[in-house]
Amino acid sequence: DYPVENGSWQDVEDDIRDFAPSMLVIYTTI
């Protein structure tokens, strides 16, 4: 939960690189 953790876009990128998922699921709000 990047907003709750005060995460950055760099954190998102690092997590995707580290985990190397086959799917990314995001929760969106209006």
PDB file of all heavy atoms in Angstrom:
ATOM      1  N   ASP A   1       0.879  -1.162   0.000  1.00  0.00           N
ATOM      2  CA  ASP A   1       0.000   0.000   0.000  1.00  0.00           C
ATOM      3  C   ASP A   1       0.921   1.217   0.000  1.00  0.00           C
ATOM      4  O   ASP A   1       1.245   1.786   1.035  1.00  0.00           O
ATOM      5  CB  ASP A   1      -0.899  -0.038   1.234  1.00  0.00           C
ATOM      6  CG  ASP A   1      -1.999   1.000   1.196  1.00  0.00           C
ATOM      7  OD1 ASP A   1      -1.886   1.969   0.418  1.00  0.00           O
ATOM      8  OD2 ASP A   1      -2.973   0.841   1.952  1.00  0.00           O
ATOM      9  N   TYR A   2       1.365   1.603  -1.183  1.00  0.00           N
ATOM     10  CA  TYR A   2       2.378   2.657  -1.303  1.00  0.00           C
ATOM     11  C   TYR A   2       1.944   3.983  -0.675  1.00  0.00           C
ATOM     12  O   TYR A   2       2.756   4.613   0.002  1.00  0.00           O
ATOM     13  CB  TYR A   2       2.782   2.842  -2.766  1.00  0.00           C
ATOM     14  CG  TYR A   2       3.522   1.646  -3.309  1.00  0.00           C
ATOM     15  CD1 TYR A   2       2.849   0.635  -3.985  1.00  0.00           C
ATOM     16  CD2 TYR A   2       4.895   1.497  -3.118  1.00  0.00           C
ATOM     17  CE1 TYR A   2       3.517  -0.480  -4.462  1.00  0.00           C
ATOM     18  CE2 TYR A   2       5.577   0.387  -3.596  1.00  0.00           C
ATOM     19  CZ  TYR A   2       4.884  -0.600  -4.263  1.00  0.00           C
ATOM     20  OH  TYR A   2       5.542  -1.699  -4.720  1.00  0.00           O
ATOM     21  N   PRO A   3       0.705   4.431  -0.860  1.00  0.00           N
ATOM     22  CA  PRO A   3       0.332   5.696  -0.201  1.00  0.00           C
ATOM     23  C   PRO A   3       0.446   5.630   1.330  1.00  0.00           C
ATOM     24  O   PRO A   3       0.940   6.566   1.950  1.00  0.00           O
ATOM     25  CB  PRO A   3      -1.123   5.913  -0.634  1.00  0.00           C
ATOM     26  CG  PRO A   3      -1.227   5.194  -1.937  1.00  0.00           C
ATOM     27  CD  PRO A   3      -0.353   3.975  -1.775  1.00  0.00           C
ATOM     28  N   VAL A   4       0.011   4.522   1.918  1.00  0.00           N
ATOM     29  CA  VAL A   4       0.085   4.387   3.367  1.00  0.00           C
ATOM     30  C   VAL A   4       1.538   4.337   3.834  1.00  0.00           C
ATOM     31  O   VAL A   4       1.889   4.863   4.886  1.00  0.00           O
ATOM     32  CB  VAL A   4      -0.688   3.129   3.835  1.00  0.00           C
ATOM     33  CG1 VAL A   4      -0.382   2.795   5.286  1.00  0.00           C
ATOM     34  CG2 VAL A   4      -2.183   3.341   3.649  1.00  0.00           C
ATOM     35  N   GLU A   5       2.396   3.717   3.031  1.00  0.00           N
ATOM     36  CA  GLU A   5       3.807   3.574   3.387  1.00  0.00           C
ATOM     37  C   GLU A   5       4.664   4.761   2.932  1.00  0.00           C
ATOM     38  O   GLU A   5       5.879   4.735   3.072  1.00  0.00           O
ATOM     39  CB  GLU A   5       4.369   2.296   2.772  1.00  0.00           C
ATOM     40  CG  GLU A   5       3.729   1.035   3.292  1.00  0.00           C
ATOM     41  CD  GLU A   5       4.285  -0.211   2.626  1.00  0.00           C
ATOM     42  OE1 GLU A   5       5.418  -0.164   2.115  1.00  0.00           O
ATOM     43  OE2 GLU A   5       3.586  -1.231   2.624  1.00  0.00           O
ATOM     44  N   ASN A   6       4.021   5.782   2.365  1.00  0.00           N
ATOM     45  CA  ASN A   6       4.750   6.911   1.784  1.00  0.00           C
ATOM     46  C   ASN A   6       5.777   6.436   0.766  1.00  0.00           C
ATOM     47  O   ASN A   6       6.892   6.958   0.681  1.00  0.00           O
ATOM     48  CB  ASN A   6       5.423   7.764   2.876  1.00  0.00           C
ATOM     49  CG  ASN A   6       4.411   8.468   3.740  1.00  0.00           C
ATOM     50  OD1 ASN A   6       3.455   9.046   3.231  1.00  0.00           O
ATOM     51  ND2 ASN A   6       4.598   8.406   5.041  1.00  0.00           N
ATOM     52  N   GLY A   7       5.385   5.423   0.001  1.00  0.00           N
ATOM     53  CA  GLY A   7       6.263   4.855  -1.016  1.00  0.00           C
ATOM     54  C   GLY A   7       6.386   5.773  -2.219  1.00  0.00           C
ATOM     55  O   GLY A   7       5.509   6.582  -2.511  1.00  0.00           O
ATOM     56  N   SER A   8       7.489   5.624  -2.931  1.00  0.00           N
ATOM     57  CA  SER A   8       7.762   6.437  -4.116  1.00  0.00           C
ATOM     58  C   SER A   8       7.604   5.589  -5.375  1.00  0.00           C
ATOM     59  O   SER A   8       7.496   4.362  -5.309  1.00  0.00           O
ATOM     60  CB  SER A   8       9.187   6.981  -4.047  1.00  0.00           C
ATOM     61  OG  SER A   8      10.116   5.904  -4.167  1.00  0.00           O
ATOM     62  N   TRP A   9       7.662   6.254  -6.522  1.00  0.00           N
ATOM     63  CA  TRP A   9       7.646   5.523  -7.790  1.00  0.00           C
ATOM     64  C   TRP A   9       8.903   4.673  -7.918  1.00  0.00           C
ATOM     65  O   TRP A   9       8.870   3.598  -8.517  1.00  0.00           O
ATOM     66  CB  TRP A   9       7.488   6.476  -8.971  1.00  0.00           C
ATOM     67  CG  TRP A   9       6.102   7.034  -9.049  1.00  0.00           C
ATOM     68  CD1 TRP A   9       5.723   8.332  -8.859  1.00  0.00           C
ATOM     69  CD2 TRP A   9       4.901   6.303  -9.297  1.00  0.00           C
ATOM     70  NE1 TRP A   9       4.360   8.450  -8.961  1.00  0.00           N
ATOM     71  CE2 TRP A   9       3.826   7.218  -9.241  1.00  0.00           C
ATOM     72  CE3 TRP A   9       4.617   4.966  -9.545  1.00  0.00           C
ATOM     73  CZ2 TRP A   9       2.500   6.837  -9.443  1.00  0.00           C
ATOM     74  CZ3 TRP A   9       3.293   4.586  -9.746  1.00  0.00           C
ATOM     75  CH2 TRP A   9       2.258   5.517  -9.692  1.00  0.00           C
ATOM     76  N   GLN A  10       9.983   5.113  -7.308  1.00  0.00           N
ATOM     77  CA  GLN A  10      11.197   4.290  -7.312  1.00  0.00           C
ATOM     78  C   GLN A  10      10.968   3.004  -6.528  1.00  0.00           C
ATOM     79  O   GLN A  10      11.454   1.940  -6.910  1.00  0.00           O
ATOM     80  CB  GLN A  10      12.390   5.071  -6.738  1.00  0.00           C
ATOM     81  CG  GLN A  10      13.700   4.317  -6.846  1.00  0.00           C
ATOM     82  CD  GLN A  10      14.102   4.033  -8.289  1.00  0.00           C
ATOM     83  OE1 GLN A  10      14.166   4.944  -9.105  1.00  0.00           O
ATOM     84  NE2 GLN A  10      14.354   2.759  -8.601  1.00  0.00           N
ATOM     85  N   ASP A  11      10.208   3.081  -5.441  1.00  0.00           N
ATOM     86  CA  ASP A  11       9.871   1.880  -4.665  1.00  0.00           C
ATOM     87  C   ASP A  11       9.054   0.908  -5.514  1.00  0.00           C
ATOM     88  O   ASP A  11       9.273  -0.302  -5.471  1.00  0.00           O
ATOM     89  CB  ASP A  11       9.088   2.238  -3.404  1.00  0.00           C
ATOM     90  CG  ASP A  11       9.905   3.023  -2.396  1.00  0.00           C
ATOM     91  OD1 ASP A  11      11.125   2.791  -2.311  1.00  0.00           O
ATOM     92  OD2 ASP A  11       9.312   3.879  -1.705  1.00  0.00           O
ATOM     93  N   VAL A  12       8.113   1.440  -6.280  1.00  0.00           N
ATOM     94  CA  VAL A  12       7.303   0.602  -7.171  1.00  0.00           C
ATOM     95  C   VAL A  12       8.222  -0.107  -8.165  1.00  0.00           C
ATOM     96  O   VAL A  12       8.148  -1.335  -8.349  1.00  0.00           O
ATOM     97  CB  VAL A  12       6.231   1.432  -7.919  1.00  0.00           C
ATOM     98  CG1 VAL A  12       5.525   0.591  -8.980  1.00  0.00           C
ATOM     99  CG2 VAL A  12       5.233   2.041  -6.939  1.00  0.00           C
ATOM    100  N   GLU A  13       9.088   0.661  -8.795  1.00  0.00           N
ATOM    101  CA  GLU A  13      10.015   0.094  -9.776  1.00  0.00           C
ATOM    102  C   GLU A  13      10.923  -0.958  -9.127  1.00  0.00           C
ATOM    103  O   GLU A  13      11.106  -2.055  -9.694  1.00  0.00           O
ATOM    104  CB  GLU A  13      10.867   1.205 -10.394  1.00  0.00           C
ATOM    105  CG  GLU A  13      11.799   0.705 -11.471  1.00  0.00           C
ATOM    106  CD  GLU A  13      12.587   1.820 -12.137  1.00  0.00           C
ATOM    107  OE1 GLU A  13      12.127   2.976 -12.158  1.00  0.00           O
ATOM    108  OE2 GLU A  13      13.687   1.510 -12.642  1.00  0.00           O
ATOM    109  N   ASP A  14      11.482  -0.657  -7.974  1.00  0.00           N
ATOM    110  CA  ASP A  14      12.366  -1.606  -7.280  1.00  0.00           C
ATOM    111  C   ASP A  14      11.620  -2.899  -6.942  1.00  0.00           C
ATOM    112  O   ASP A  14      12.166  -3.997  -7.110  1.00  0.00           O
ATOM    113  CB  ASP A  14      12.933  -0.986  -6.005  1.00  0.00           C
ATOM    114  CG  ASP A  14      13.921   0.143  -6.285  1.00  0.00           C
ATOM    115  OD1 ASP A  14      14.390   0.281  -7.440  1.00  0.00           O
ATOM    116  OD2 ASP A  14      14.207   0.906  -5.328  1.00  0.00           O
ATOM    117  N   ASP A  15      10.383  -2.778  -6.464  1.00  0.00           N
ATOM    118  CA  ASP A  15       9.607  -3.968  -6.111  1.00  0.00           C
ATOM    119  C   ASP A  15       9.311  -4.838  -7.333  1.00  0.00           C
ATOM    120  O   ASP A  15       9.388  -6.065  -7.259  1.00  0.00           O
ATOM    121  CB  ASP A  15       8.302  -3.577  -5.417  1.00  0.00           C
ATOM    122  CG  ASP A  15       8.515  -3.092  -3.996  1.00  0.00           C
ATOM    123  OD1 ASP A  15       9.610  -3.329  -3.432  1.00  0.00           O
ATOM    124  OD2 ASP A  15       7.585  -2.468  -3.445  1.00  0.00           O
ATOM    125  N   ILE A  16       8.987  -4.205  -8.436  1.00  0.00           N
ATOM    126  CA  ILE A  16       8.705  -4.973  -9.654  1.00  0.00           C
ATOM    127  C   ILE A  16       9.977  -5.675 -10.129  1.00  0.00           C
ATOM    128  O   ILE A  16       9.948  -6.849 -10.504  1.00  0.00           O
ATOM    129  CB  ILE A  16       8.108  -4.069 -10.750  1.00  0.00           C
ATOM    130  CG1 ILE A  16       6.707  -3.591 -10.331  1.00  0.00           C
ATOM    131  CG2 ILE A  16       8.040  -4.809 -12.097  1.00  0.00           C
ATOM    132  CD1 ILE A  16       6.120  -2.504 -11.218  1.00  0.00           C
ATOM    133  N   ARG A  17      11.089  -4.982 -10.082  1.00  0.00           N
ATOM    134  CA  ARG A  17      12.360  -5.604 -10.481  1.00  0.00           C
ATOM    135  C   ARG A  17      12.738  -6.759  -9.550  1.00  0.00           C
ATOM    136  O   ARG A  17      13.156  -7.822  -9.994  1.00  0.00           O
ATOM    137  CB  ARG A  17      13.482  -4.570 -10.503  1.00  0.00           C
ATOM    138  CG  ARG A  17      13.407  -3.624 -11.673  1.00  0.00           C
ATOM    139  CD  ARG A  17      14.658  -2.743 -11.753  1.00  0.00           C
ATOM    140  NE  ARG A  17      14.472  -1.639 -12.663  1.00  0.00           N
ATOM    141  CZ  ARG A  17      14.507  -1.747 -13.987  1.00  0.00           C
ATOM    142  NH1 ARG A  17      14.718  -2.914 -14.548  1.00  0.00           N
ATOM    143  NH2 ARG A  17      14.323  -0.686 -14.749  1.00  0.00           N
ATOM    144  N   ASP A  18      12.597  -6.551  -8.236  1.00  0.00           N
ATOM    145  CA  ASP A  18      12.994  -7.562  -7.253  1.00  0.00           C
ATOM    146  C   ASP A  18      12.110  -8.809  -7.299  1.00  0.00           C
ATOM    147  O   ASP A  18      12.597  -9.923  -7.236  1.00  0.00           O
ATOM    148  CB  ASP A  18      12.965  -6.986  -5.829  1.00  0.00           C
ATOM    149  CG  ASP A  18      14.042  -5.948  -5.596  1.00  0.00           C
ATOM    150  OD1 ASP A  18      15.016  -5.888  -6.385  1.00  0.00           O
ATOM    151  OD2 ASP A  18      13.916  -5.175  -4.623  1.00  0.00           O
ATOM    152  N   PHE A  19      10.801  -8.619  -7.404  1.00  0.00           N
ATOM    153  CA  PHE A  19       9.862  -9.737  -7.362  1.00  0.00           C
ATOM    154  C   PHE A  19       9.685 -10.380  -8.742  1.00  0.00           C
ATOM    155  O   PHE A  19       9.429 -11.570  -8.846  1.00  0.00           O
ATOM    156  CB  PHE A  19       8.521  -9.268  -6.801  1.00  0.00           C
ATOM    157  CG  PHE A  19       7.508 -10.354  -6.597  1.00  0.00           C
ATOM    158  CD1 PHE A  19       7.847 -11.537  -5.959  1.00  0.00           C
ATOM    159  CD2 PHE A  19       6.203 -10.184  -7.009  1.00  0.00           C
ATOM    160  CE1 PHE A  19       6.900 -12.539  -5.751  1.00  0.00           C
ATOM    161  CE2 PHE A  19       5.250 -11.171  -6.809  1.00  0.00           C
ATOM    162  CZ  PHE A  19       5.597 -12.350  -6.169  1.00  0.00           C
ATOM    163  N   ALA A  20       9.824  -9.583  -9.793  1.00  0.00           N
ATOM    164  CA  ALA A  20       9.644 -10.053 -11.177  1.00  0.00           C
ATOM    165  C   ALA A  20       8.324 -10.806 -11.355  1.00  0.00           C
ATOM    166  O   ALA A  20       8.296 -11.957 -11.783  1.00  0.00           O
ATOM    167  CB  ALA A  20      10.831 -10.907 -11.612  1.00  0.00           C
ATOM    168  N   PRO A  21       7.205 -10.149 -11.053  1.00  0.00           N
ATOM    169  CA  PRO A  21       5.915 -10.833 -11.162  1.00  0.00           C
ATOM    170  C   PRO A  21       5.502 -11.040 -12.617  1.00  0.00           C
ATOM    171  O   PRO A  21       5.915 -10.304 -13.507  1.00  0.00           O
ATOM    172  CB  PRO A  21       4.959  -9.865 -10.463  1.00  0.00           C
ATOM    173  CG  PRO A  21       5.562  -8.519 -10.713  1.00  0.00           C
ATOM    174  CD  PRO A  21       7.055  -8.750 -10.659  1.00  0.00           C
ATOM    175  N   SER A  22       4.659 -12.039 -12.835  1.00  0.00           N
ATOM    176  CA  SER A  22       4.091 -12.240 -14.169  1.00  0.00           C
ATOM    177  C   SER A  22       2.875 -11.342 -14.363  1.00  0.00           C
ATOM    178  O   SER A  22       2.475 -11.062 -15.485  1.00  0.00           O
ATOM    179  CB  SER A  22       3.699 -13.698 -14.374  1.00  0.00           C
ATOM    180  OG  SER A  22       2.771 -14.107 -13.386  1.00  0.00           O
ATOM    181  N   MET A  23       2.293 -10.881 -13.230  1.00  0.00           N
ATOM    182  CA  MET A  23       1.127  -9.990 -13.274  1.00  0.00           C
ATOM    183  C   MET A  23       1.267  -8.895 -12.232  1.00  0.00           C
ATOM    184  O   MET A  23       1.802  -9.135 -11.147  1.00  0.00           O
ATOM    185  CB  MET A  23      -0.156 -10.767 -12.978  1.00  0.00           C
ATOM    186  CG  MET A  23      -0.533 -11.753 -14.039  1.00  0.00           C
ATOM    187  SD  MET A  23      -2.050 -12.605 -13.614  1.00  0.00           S
ATOM    188  CE  MET A  23      -1.414 -13.792 -12.457  1.00  0.00           C
ATOM    189  N   LEU A  24       0.786  -7.721 -12.581  1.00  0.00           N
ATOM    190  CA  LEU A  24       0.708  -6.612 -11.646  1.00  0.00           C
ATOM    191  C   LEU A  24      -0.755  -6.216 -11.556  1.00  0.00           C
ATOM    192  O   LEU A  24      -1.383  -5.920 -12.578  1.00  0.00           O
ATOM    193  CB  LEU A  24       1.526  -5.411 -12.131  1.00  0.00           C
ATOM    194  CG  LEU A  24       1.371  -4.144 -11.290  1.00  0.00           C
ATOM    195  CD1 LEU A  24       2.096  -4.303  -9.957  1.00  0.00           C
ATOM    196  CD2 LEU A  24       1.885  -2.931 -12.041  1.00  0.00           C
ATOM    197  N   VAL A  25      -1.289  -6.238 -10.344  1.00  0.00           N
ATOM    198  CA  VAL A  25      -2.679  -5.845 -10.124  1.00  0.00           C
ATOM    199  C   VAL A  25      -2.670  -4.555  -9.330  1.00  0.00           C
ATOM    200  O   VAL A  25      -2.034  -4.477  -8.274  1.00  0.00           O
ATOM    201  CB  VAL A  25      -3.470  -6.928  -9.356  1.00  0.00           C
ATOM    202  CG1 VAL A  25      -4.919  -6.499  -9.163  1.00  0.00           C
ATOM    203  CG2 VAL A  25      -3.382  -8.264 -10.076  1.00  0.00           C
ATOM    204  N   ILE A  26      -3.355  -3.550  -9.842  1.00  0.00           N
ATOM    205  CA  ILE A  26      -3.430  -2.277  -9.132  1.00  0.00           C
ATOM    206  C   ILE A  26      -4.878  -1.991  -8.767  1.00  0.00           C
ATOM    207  O   ILE A  26      -5.801  -2.394  -9.473  1.00  0.00           O
ATOM    208  CB  ILE A  26      -2.848  -1.112  -9.962  1.00  0.00           C
ATOM    209  CG1 ILE A  26      -3.607  -0.932 -11.277  1.00  0.00           C
ATOM    210  CG2 ILE A  26      -1.366  -1.326 -10.219  1.00  0.00           C
ATOM    211  CD1 ILE A  26      -3.272   0.340 -12.015  1.00  0.00           C
ATOM    212  N   TYR A  27      -5.053  -1.306  -7.654  1.00  0.00           N
ATOM    213  CA  TYR A  27      -6.370  -0.849  -7.230  1.00  0.00           C
ATOM    214  C   TYR A  27      -6.466   0.621  -7.607  1.00  0.00           C
ATOM    215  O   TYR A  27      -5.596   1.406  -7.244  1.00  0.00           O
ATOM    216  CB  TYR A  27      -6.535  -1.037  -5.724  1.00  0.00           C
ATOM    217  CG  TYR A  27      -7.859  -0.535  -5.213  1.00  0.00           C
ATOM    218  CD1 TYR A  27      -9.008  -1.298  -5.379  1.00  0.00           C
ATOM    219  CD2 TYR A  27      -7.965   0.695  -4.588  1.00  0.00           C
ATOM    220  CE1 TYR A  27     -10.231  -0.840  -4.928  1.00  0.00           C
ATOM    221  CE2 TYR A  27      -9.184   1.166  -4.132  1.00  0.00           C
ATOM    222  CZ  TYR A  27     -10.312   0.385  -4.306  1.00  0.00           C
ATOM    223  OH  TYR A  27     -11.526   0.838  -3.872  1.00  0.00           O
ATOM    224  N   THR A  28      -7.485   0.963  -8.345  1.00  0.00           N
ATOM    225  CA  THR A  28      -7.637   2.351  -8.774  1.00  0.00           C
ATOM    226  C   THR A  28      -8.857   2.993  -8.120  1.00  0.00           C
ATOM    227  O   THR A  28      -9.815   2.309  -7.763  1.00  0.00           O
ATOM    228  CB  THR A  28      -7.787   2.445 -10.305  1.00  0.00           C
ATOM    229  OG1 THR A  28      -8.976   1.750 -10.709  1.00  0.00           O
ATOM    230  CG2 THR A  28      -6.598   1.842 -11.021  1.00  0.00           C
ATOM    231  N   THR A  29      -8.760   4.300  -7.973  1.00  0.00           N
ATOM    232  CA  THR A  29      -9.908   5.077  -7.502  1.00  0.00           C
ATOM    233  C   THR A  29     -10.121   6.230  -8.471  1.00  0.00           C
ATOM    234  O   THR A  29      -9.195   6.641  -9.176  1.00  0.00           O
ATOM    235  CB  THR A  29      -9.681   5.653  -6.090  1.00  0.00           C
ATOM    236  OG1 THR A  29      -8.638   6.620  -6.148  1.00  0.00           O
ATOM    237  CG2 THR A  29      -9.327   4.561  -5.092  1.00  0.00           C
ATOM    238  N   ILE A  30     -11.284   6.739  -8.497  1.00  0.00           N
ATOM    239  CA  ILE A  30     -11.637   7.807  -9.436  1.00  0.00           C
ATOM    240  C   ILE A  30     -10.756   9.040  -9.223  1.00  0.00           C
ATOM    241  O   ILE A  30     -10.415   9.738 -10.164  1.00  0.00           O
ATOM    242  CB  ILE A  30     -13.142   8.153  -9.352  1.00  0.00           C
ATOM    243  CG1 ILE A  30     -13.589   8.991 -10.543  1.00  0.00           C
ATOM    244  CG2 ILE A  30     -13.493   8.840  -8.062  1.00  0.00           C
ATOM    245  CD1 ILE A  30     -13.706   8.244 -11.822  1.00  0.00           C
TER     246      ILE A  30
END
